[in-house]
Protein backbone atom coordinates (compact mmCIF):
# COMPACT_ATOMS: atom_id res chain seq x y z
CA MET A 1 5.01 -184.68 -9.83
CA ILE A 2 2.33 -184.27 -12.55
CA ASP A 3 -1.63 -183.39 -11.53
CA LEU A 4 -3.88 -185.97 -12.21
CA ASN A 5 -6.84 -183.34 -12.70
CA ASP A 6 -4.68 -181.30 -15.52
CA LEU A 7 -5.47 -182.23 -18.35
CA ASP A 8 -3.18 -180.67 -20.60
CA ALA A 9 -0.05 -181.97 -18.15
CA ILE A 10 -1.69 -185.40 -19.25
CA ARG A 11 -1.63 -184.92 -22.81
CA LYS A 12 2.06 -184.15 -23.03
CA LEU A 13 2.48 -187.58 -21.80
CA ASP A 14 -0.18 -189.36 -23.34
CA PRO A 15 0.39 -188.04 -26.40
CA SER A 16 -1.24 -191.08 -27.62
CA ASP A 17 -4.62 -190.66 -25.63
CA VAL A 18 -4.36 -194.01 -23.96
CA TYR A 19 -6.70 -191.99 -21.45
CA GLY A 20 -9.30 -190.81 -24.16
CA SER A 21 -9.68 -194.81 -24.87
CA THR A 22 -9.60 -195.48 -20.91
CA ALA A 23 -12.57 -193.17 -20.71
CA MET A 24 -14.01 -194.96 -23.90
CA PHE A 25 -14.07 -198.62 -22.08
CA ALA A 26 -18.00 -198.44 -21.40
CA ALA A 27 -18.62 -196.93 -25.56
CA GLN A 28 -16.63 -199.82 -26.73
CA CYS A 29 -18.94 -202.12 -24.81
CA GLN A 30 -21.79 -200.82 -25.91
CA GLN A 31 -20.93 -200.54 -29.35
CA ILE A 32 -19.84 -204.48 -29.16
CA VAL A 33 -23.52 -205.02 -28.18
CA ASP A 34 -25.75 -201.84 -30.53
CA GLU A 35 -23.57 -203.62 -33.77
CA HIS A 36 -23.06 -207.78 -32.23
CA PHE A 37 -25.45 -208.73 -30.43
CA ASP A 38 -27.66 -209.92 -32.71
CA MET A 39 -25.58 -211.44 -34.72
CA ASP A 40 -26.79 -214.64 -37.50
CA ILE A 41 -24.23 -216.83 -36.53
CA PRO A 42 -24.55 -220.78 -38.02
CA VAL A 43 -25.45 -223.49 -36.51
CA ALA A 44 -22.68 -225.53 -34.65
CA ARG A 45 -22.53 -228.87 -36.49
CA ARG A 46 -21.48 -231.44 -34.61
CA PRO A 47 -22.63 -230.70 -30.05
CA ILE A 48 -19.66 -228.83 -28.85
CA ALA A 49 -17.36 -230.34 -26.02
CA ASN A 50 -14.85 -228.47 -25.15
CA LEU A 51 -14.73 -224.92 -25.63
CA VAL A 52 -10.19 -223.31 -26.00
CA ILE A 53 -9.70 -219.66 -26.97
CA CYS A 54 -6.93 -218.37 -28.16
CA GLY A 55 -4.98 -215.17 -27.55
CA MET A 56 -1.92 -213.07 -26.47
CA GLY A 57 -2.11 -209.84 -23.63
CA GLY A 58 -5.18 -207.90 -24.15
CA SER A 59 -6.57 -210.08 -26.48
CA ALA A 60 -6.87 -213.01 -24.19
CA TYR A 61 -8.51 -210.58 -21.70
CA GLY A 62 -12.29 -211.96 -22.18
CA ALA A 63 -11.14 -215.68 -21.63
CA HIS A 64 -9.28 -214.19 -18.29
CA VAL A 65 -13.23 -212.89 -17.29
CA LEU A 66 -15.59 -215.81 -19.12
CA THR A 67 -13.44 -218.37 -17.52
CA ALA A 68 -13.69 -216.70 -13.27
CA LEU A 69 -17.66 -215.52 -14.30
CA TYR A 70 -19.05 -218.40 -15.40
CA TRP A 71 -16.82 -220.47 -13.63
CA ASP A 72 -19.41 -222.39 -12.06
CA GLU A 73 -22.33 -222.13 -15.21
CA LEU A 74 -20.31 -223.28 -18.05
CA LYS A 75 -21.68 -227.23 -19.03
CA ILE A 76 -18.70 -227.47 -20.72
CA PRO A 77 -14.49 -227.39 -20.01
CA LEU A 78 -12.70 -224.28 -21.12
CA VAL A 79 -9.32 -224.28 -20.72
CA PRO A 80 -7.65 -220.68 -21.98
CA VAL A 81 -4.34 -220.53 -24.71
CA SER A 82 -1.49 -218.66 -24.48
CA ASP A 83 0.96 -220.39 -27.02
CA TYR A 84 1.25 -221.69 -30.33
CA ARG A 85 -0.30 -225.24 -29.21
CA LEU A 86 -3.45 -226.46 -28.80
CA PRO A 87 -4.05 -229.00 -25.82
CA GLY A 88 -4.25 -232.08 -26.71
CA PHE A 89 -7.60 -233.11 -26.36
CA VAL A 90 -8.91 -230.75 -29.55
CA ASP A 91 -11.47 -232.40 -31.90
CA GLU A 92 -13.69 -232.47 -33.81
CA SER A 93 -16.29 -231.89 -30.88
CA SER A 94 -13.72 -229.00 -29.11
CA LEU A 95 -15.20 -225.19 -30.18
CA VAL A 96 -12.02 -223.21 -30.56
CA LEU A 97 -11.83 -219.51 -30.08
CA LEU A 98 -9.23 -216.83 -31.77
CA THR A 99 -8.68 -214.08 -30.52
CA SER A 100 -6.52 -211.40 -32.03
CA TYR A 101 -7.37 -207.35 -31.89
CA SER A 102 -5.09 -207.10 -34.17
CA GLY A 103 -5.45 -210.02 -37.13
CA SER A 104 -2.19 -210.97 -36.86
CA THR A 105 -0.49 -212.59 -33.38
CA GLU A 106 1.15 -215.33 -34.88
CA GLU A 107 0.69 -217.76 -31.82
CA VAL A 108 -3.31 -217.15 -32.89
CA LEU A 109 -2.65 -217.44 -36.04
CA ALA A 110 -0.54 -220.98 -35.35
CA CYS A 111 -3.39 -221.68 -33.30
CA ALA A 112 -5.78 -221.67 -36.28
CA ARG A 113 -3.78 -223.51 -38.45
CA GLU A 114 -3.93 -226.16 -35.81
CA ALA A 115 -7.79 -226.32 -35.54
CA GLU A 116 -8.02 -226.06 -38.91
CA ALA A 117 -5.82 -229.35 -39.40
CA ARG A 118 -7.71 -231.12 -36.44
CA GLY A 119 -11.10 -230.32 -38.18
CA ALA A 120 -12.13 -228.65 -34.68
CA GLN A 121 -15.21 -226.07 -35.47
CA ILE A 122 -13.82 -222.72 -35.40
CA ALA A 123 -15.08 -218.87 -34.50
CA ALA A 124 -13.24 -215.46 -34.03
CA ILE A 125 -12.67 -212.11 -33.70
CA SER A 126 -10.40 -209.55 -34.94
CA THR A 127 -10.53 -205.87 -36.41
CA GLY A 128 -8.78 -207.85 -39.91
CA GLY A 129 -6.18 -208.66 -40.78
CA ALA A 130 -4.09 -213.14 -41.20
CA LEU A 131 -6.86 -213.82 -39.31
CA ALA A 132 -10.30 -212.53 -41.16
CA GLU A 133 -8.62 -213.43 -43.97
CA MET A 134 -8.41 -216.93 -43.22
CA VAL A 135 -11.80 -216.71 -41.59
CA ARG A 136 -14.25 -214.51 -43.00
CA GLY A 137 -16.86 -216.43 -45.26
CA ARG A 138 -15.74 -220.08 -43.38
CA TYR A 139 -16.63 -219.62 -39.80
CA PRO A 140 -18.40 -217.34 -37.27
CA ILE A 141 -16.61 -214.32 -36.89
CA LEU A 142 -17.16 -211.06 -35.01
CA LEU A 143 -15.38 -208.05 -36.67
CA PHE A 144 -15.66 -205.08 -35.44
CA ASP A 145 -14.81 -201.62 -36.05
CA PRO A 146 -12.51 -200.10 -33.46
CA LYS A 147 -13.50 -196.49 -33.17
CA ASN A 148 -14.02 -196.13 -29.83
CA ASN A 149 -9.64 -197.13 -29.40
CA PRO A 150 -8.17 -193.22 -30.50
CA SER A 151 -5.04 -194.72 -28.59
CA THR A 152 -4.77 -197.01 -31.24
CA GLN A 153 -3.65 -199.76 -28.79
CA PRO A 154 -5.32 -202.72 -29.20
CA ARG A 155 -4.52 -203.37 -25.07
CA LEU A 156 -7.19 -200.51 -24.61
CA GLY A 157 -9.62 -202.11 -26.78
CA THR A 158 -9.80 -203.99 -23.71
CA GLY A 159 -14.28 -203.39 -23.79
CA TYR A 160 -14.53 -204.64 -27.11
CA ILE A 161 -12.44 -207.72 -25.98
CA ILE A 162 -14.55 -208.92 -23.61
CA THR A 163 -17.89 -208.02 -24.72
CA ALA A 164 -17.20 -209.16 -28.10
CA THR A 165 -16.51 -213.29 -26.64
CA LEU A 166 -19.53 -213.63 -23.47
CA ALA A 167 -21.28 -211.69 -27.35
CA LEU A 168 -20.35 -214.22 -29.49
CA LEU A 169 -20.40 -217.13 -27.21
CA GLY A 170 -23.50 -216.05 -25.88
CA ARG A 171 -25.24 -216.04 -29.87
CA LEU A 172 -23.39 -219.63 -29.93
CA GLY A 173 -25.54 -221.08 -27.05
CA VAL A 174 -22.31 -221.36 -25.16
CA ILE A 175 -23.15 -219.38 -22.38
CA GLN A 176 -27.19 -217.66 -21.95
CA ILE A 177 -26.62 -213.92 -21.27
CA ALA A 178 -29.53 -211.99 -22.00
CA LYS A 179 -28.57 -208.90 -24.02
CA ALA A 180 -30.83 -206.82 -20.94
CA GLU A 181 -28.57 -208.37 -19.34
CA LEU A 182 -25.64 -206.96 -20.59
CA SER A 183 -26.81 -203.35 -21.09
CA GLU A 184 -27.57 -202.81 -17.64
CA ALA A 185 -24.34 -203.79 -16.37
CA ILE A 186 -22.87 -201.15 -19.02
CA ALA A 187 -24.81 -198.66 -17.75
CA GLU A 188 -24.45 -199.35 -13.96
CA VAL A 189 -20.94 -198.93 -15.22
CA ARG A 190 -21.25 -195.24 -17.01
CA ARG A 191 -22.68 -194.27 -13.84
CA ALA A 192 -20.37 -195.28 -12.03
CA HIS A 193 -17.58 -193.55 -14.19
CA ASP A 194 -16.83 -190.46 -12.47
CA VAL A 195 -16.78 -192.57 -8.71
CA LEU A 196 -14.71 -195.20 -9.85
CA LYS A 197 -12.09 -192.08 -11.63
CA SER A 198 -11.64 -190.27 -8.16
CA ALA A 199 -11.05 -194.07 -6.83
CA ALA A 200 -8.36 -194.40 -9.05
CA GLN A 201 -6.90 -191.14 -8.81
CA LEU A 202 -6.59 -191.38 -5.13
CA ALA A 203 -4.90 -195.32 -5.67
CA ALA A 204 -1.99 -194.43 -7.45
CA PRO A 205 -0.08 -192.28 -5.54
CA ALA A 206 -0.69 -195.41 -3.32
CA LEU A 207 0.87 -197.91 -5.48
CA GLN A 208 3.72 -195.49 -6.36
CA GLY A 209 7.27 -197.06 -5.49
CA PHE A 210 6.05 -200.39 -4.30
CA ILE A 211 5.43 -203.62 -5.95
CA PRO A 212 1.32 -204.00 -6.89
CA VAL A 213 0.11 -207.27 -6.03
CA VAL A 214 -3.68 -207.82 -6.70
CA PHE A 215 -6.06 -210.26 -4.63
CA ALA A 216 -9.14 -211.37 -5.92
CA ALA A 217 -11.73 -214.20 -5.35
CA GLU A 218 -14.38 -215.72 -7.21
CA HIS A 219 -15.94 -213.95 -10.03
CA LEU A 220 -13.11 -211.17 -9.93
CA VAL A 221 -10.42 -213.38 -10.82
CA GLY A 222 -9.69 -212.64 -14.28
CA ASN A 223 -10.33 -208.56 -13.51
CA ALA A 224 -7.09 -209.57 -11.43
CA HIS A 225 -5.02 -211.07 -13.90
CA ILE A 226 -6.17 -208.09 -16.63
CA MET A 227 -5.35 -206.17 -13.55
CA ARG A 228 -1.25 -207.14 -13.35
CA ASN A 229 -1.34 -206.81 -16.76
CA GLN A 230 -1.91 -203.32 -16.96
CA PHE A 231 0.44 -202.60 -14.35
CA ASN A 232 2.93 -204.16 -16.57
CA GLU A 233 2.05 -202.08 -19.81
CA THR A 234 0.52 -198.89 -18.91
CA SER A 235 1.99 -198.42 -15.61
CA LYS A 236 5.21 -199.95 -15.97
CA SER A 237 5.16 -201.31 -13.09
CA PHE A 238 6.58 -205.45 -11.92
CA ALA A 239 3.14 -206.59 -10.59
CA ALA A 240 1.27 -209.11 -9.26
CA PHE A 241 -1.75 -211.66 -8.70
CA GLU A 242 -3.25 -213.78 -6.22
CA ASP A 243 -6.51 -215.90 -6.37
CA ILE A 244 -8.54 -216.37 -2.27
CA PRO A 245 -8.16 -219.37 -1.42
CA GLU A 246 -5.84 -221.02 -2.75
CA LEU A 247 -3.04 -217.62 -1.55
CA ASN A 248 -4.05 -218.81 1.93
CA HIS A 249 -2.29 -222.28 1.90
CA HIS A 250 1.07 -221.26 0.88
CA LEU A 251 1.96 -217.06 -0.26
CA MET A 252 1.73 -215.26 3.26
CA GLU A 253 4.41 -217.57 4.73
CA GLY A 254 6.31 -215.93 1.43
CA LEU A 255 5.71 -212.78 3.58
CA LYS A 256 9.20 -212.42 5.66
CA ASN A 257 11.28 -212.63 3.09
CA PRO A 258 13.01 -210.28 1.54
CA GLY A 259 13.19 -207.67 4.76
CA ASP A 260 13.33 -204.28 2.41
CA ARG A 261 10.80 -205.68 0.27
CA LYS A 262 8.34 -203.03 -1.59
CA LEU A 263 4.98 -204.50 -1.70
CA LYS A 264 1.35 -203.43 -1.73
CA ALA A 265 -1.29 -205.36 -1.84
CA LEU A 266 -4.95 -204.31 -3.77
CA PHE A 267 -7.23 -205.94 -2.43
CA ILE A 268 -10.78 -206.87 -4.68
CA THR A 269 -13.60 -206.82 -2.24
CA SER A 270 -17.28 -207.81 -3.23
CA ASP A 271 -20.56 -208.51 -1.69
CA LEU A 272 -21.32 -211.25 -3.67
CA TYR A 273 -18.94 -213.50 -2.57
CA THR A 274 -19.72 -216.17 -0.73
CA ARG A 275 -19.04 -215.80 3.17
CA ARG A 276 -16.77 -217.86 3.41
CA ASN A 277 -14.38 -216.21 0.88
CA GLN A 278 -15.37 -212.43 3.08
CA GLN A 279 -13.92 -214.25 5.86
CA ARG A 280 -10.48 -215.03 3.92
CA ILE A 281 -10.23 -211.73 2.72
CA GLU A 282 -11.19 -210.05 6.07
CA LEU A 283 -8.04 -212.30 7.79
CA THR A 284 -4.99 -212.07 4.32
CA GLU A 285 -5.47 -208.31 5.60
CA ASP A 286 -5.17 -208.67 8.72
CA VAL A 287 -2.28 -211.62 8.39
CA ILE A 288 -0.62 -208.81 5.78
CA ARG A 289 -0.49 -205.74 8.13
CA GLN A 290 0.58 -207.86 10.82
CA ASN A 291 4.32 -208.05 8.98
CA GLY A 292 4.13 -205.10 8.04
CA ILE A 293 3.02 -204.85 4.35
CA ASP A 294 0.17 -202.05 3.64
CA TYR A 295 -2.56 -202.98 1.63
CA LEU A 296 -5.88 -200.90 -0.88
CA GLU A 297 -9.09 -201.81 -1.47
CA HIS A 298 -11.49 -201.67 -4.05
CA ALA A 299 -15.03 -202.46 -3.64
CA ALA A 300 -16.58 -204.18 -6.01
CA ALA A 301 -19.82 -201.73 -7.29
CA GLY A 302 -22.75 -203.61 -9.09
CA SER A 303 -25.46 -205.15 -8.35
CA THR A 304 -25.06 -208.42 -10.61
CA LYS A 305 -20.93 -210.70 -11.09
CA LEU A 306 -21.13 -208.84 -15.11
CA ALA A 307 -21.70 -205.20 -13.69
CA GLN A 308 -18.94 -205.66 -10.89
CA VAL A 309 -16.37 -207.35 -13.57
CA LEU A 310 -16.87 -204.39 -15.51
CA ASN A 311 -16.81 -201.88 -12.65
CA VAL A 312 -13.19 -202.92 -12.19
CA LEU A 313 -12.45 -202.90 -16.00
CA SER A 314 -12.91 -199.55 -15.42
CA PHE A 315 -11.21 -199.01 -12.38
CA GLY A 316 -8.24 -200.91 -12.92
CA GLY A 317 -7.89 -199.17 -16.52
CA TYR A 318 -8.28 -195.30 -14.37
CA LEU A 319 -5.60 -197.04 -11.48
CA THR A 320 -2.52 -198.23 -14.19
CA LEU A 321 -2.89 -195.73 -16.80
CA TYR A 322 -2.44 -192.77 -13.53
CA LEU A 323 0.25 -195.13 -11.84
CA GLY A 324 2.23 -194.95 -15.57
CA LEU A 325 1.28 -191.20 -15.27
CA LEU A 326 2.47 -190.31 -12.00
CA TYR A 327 6.15 -192.35 -12.96
CA GLY A 328 6.41 -190.31 -16.04
CA GLN A 329 5.36 -192.51 -18.30
CA ASP A 330 3.87 -192.37 -21.73
CA PRO A 331 1.34 -195.24 -21.39
CA SER A 332 1.33 -195.89 -24.91
CA LEU A 333 4.35 -197.14 -25.99
CA VAL A 334 5.67 -200.91 -25.02
CA PRO A 335 9.23 -200.43 -25.91
CA TRP A 336 10.54 -203.79 -25.15
CA VAL A 337 7.62 -205.43 -25.96
CA ASP A 338 8.56 -204.15 -29.60
CA TYR A 339 12.33 -204.85 -29.26
CA PHE A 340 11.70 -208.66 -28.49
CA LYS A 341 9.35 -208.90 -31.54
CA GLU A 342 11.95 -206.51 -33.80
CA LYS A 343 14.40 -209.83 -32.48
CA LEU A 344 12.15 -212.38 -32.67
CA SER A 345 11.10 -211.70 -36.14
CA GLY A 346 14.53 -212.14 -37.41
CA GLU A 347 14.44 -215.40 -36.44
CA THR A 348 13.46 -218.80 -38.42
């Protein structure tokens, strides 16, 4: 088994430097703040009645975070879209945010064309590609240089996508977020870096050989979704996520069968959850224990909900990386995703 403190051994399994990209999460966030937070954005042509965020995989992470973090603050409906099609309600009063790290995601480009045909207001986040060519000079776009992502893998640009989503929507007036608030949240994650890394090193071996099921509530539900994806792609492990309180109305009865289930729960806890949901987590842990299933906890540190979101993102990046290394996997490779895309490109 690999020693997770042995950097030479890690480099052999990780030639693309996923480890480096994971360590640069806070630097990615800070780069967006430094280079783009004060960007000049044209005033919306019309009042925005609803928001649709289009993105696939890692490029959708900003939508997942925003939905959970700003659930009780957003004044307009938000619908994340991971598909080729926009919802039927999209029209001239809609803002469609197109998010594609590479700028070449075919589902996002299809949504871009449809949004334009419907006369929707458009904004975009990307590093370039066809999306930038379509949008630049016509609609607001946040174009970033991914210099703090040495792996060059889009899904390892988590800090870029999430912070860019918050910064751009803040400039467009969709959410209220101060530069100082975001900078302080990033600073808190920087200060906690070594603790988060150590916590991930301890947790990863406990998940090896099990199917992780991530449980979270309120502002951290988006983190659970993201962590599930990272277990899939980085750890090459099947995983699932569930949100509290919804899971308390069905999932607990599904813990009995099959008898040889190999599940292990990971609870993302927070002192900023409402007291009722904190009680629900305690009771859910009790039910899971009585069903013979082990669980781990990660307590989200941070003085604000935003800081806690970033804390869990950093922890999840390391946790899923370490688990992949324990499985002897090159965390940068996604052979089945690549196979699928290659086969699909030959279809008409």
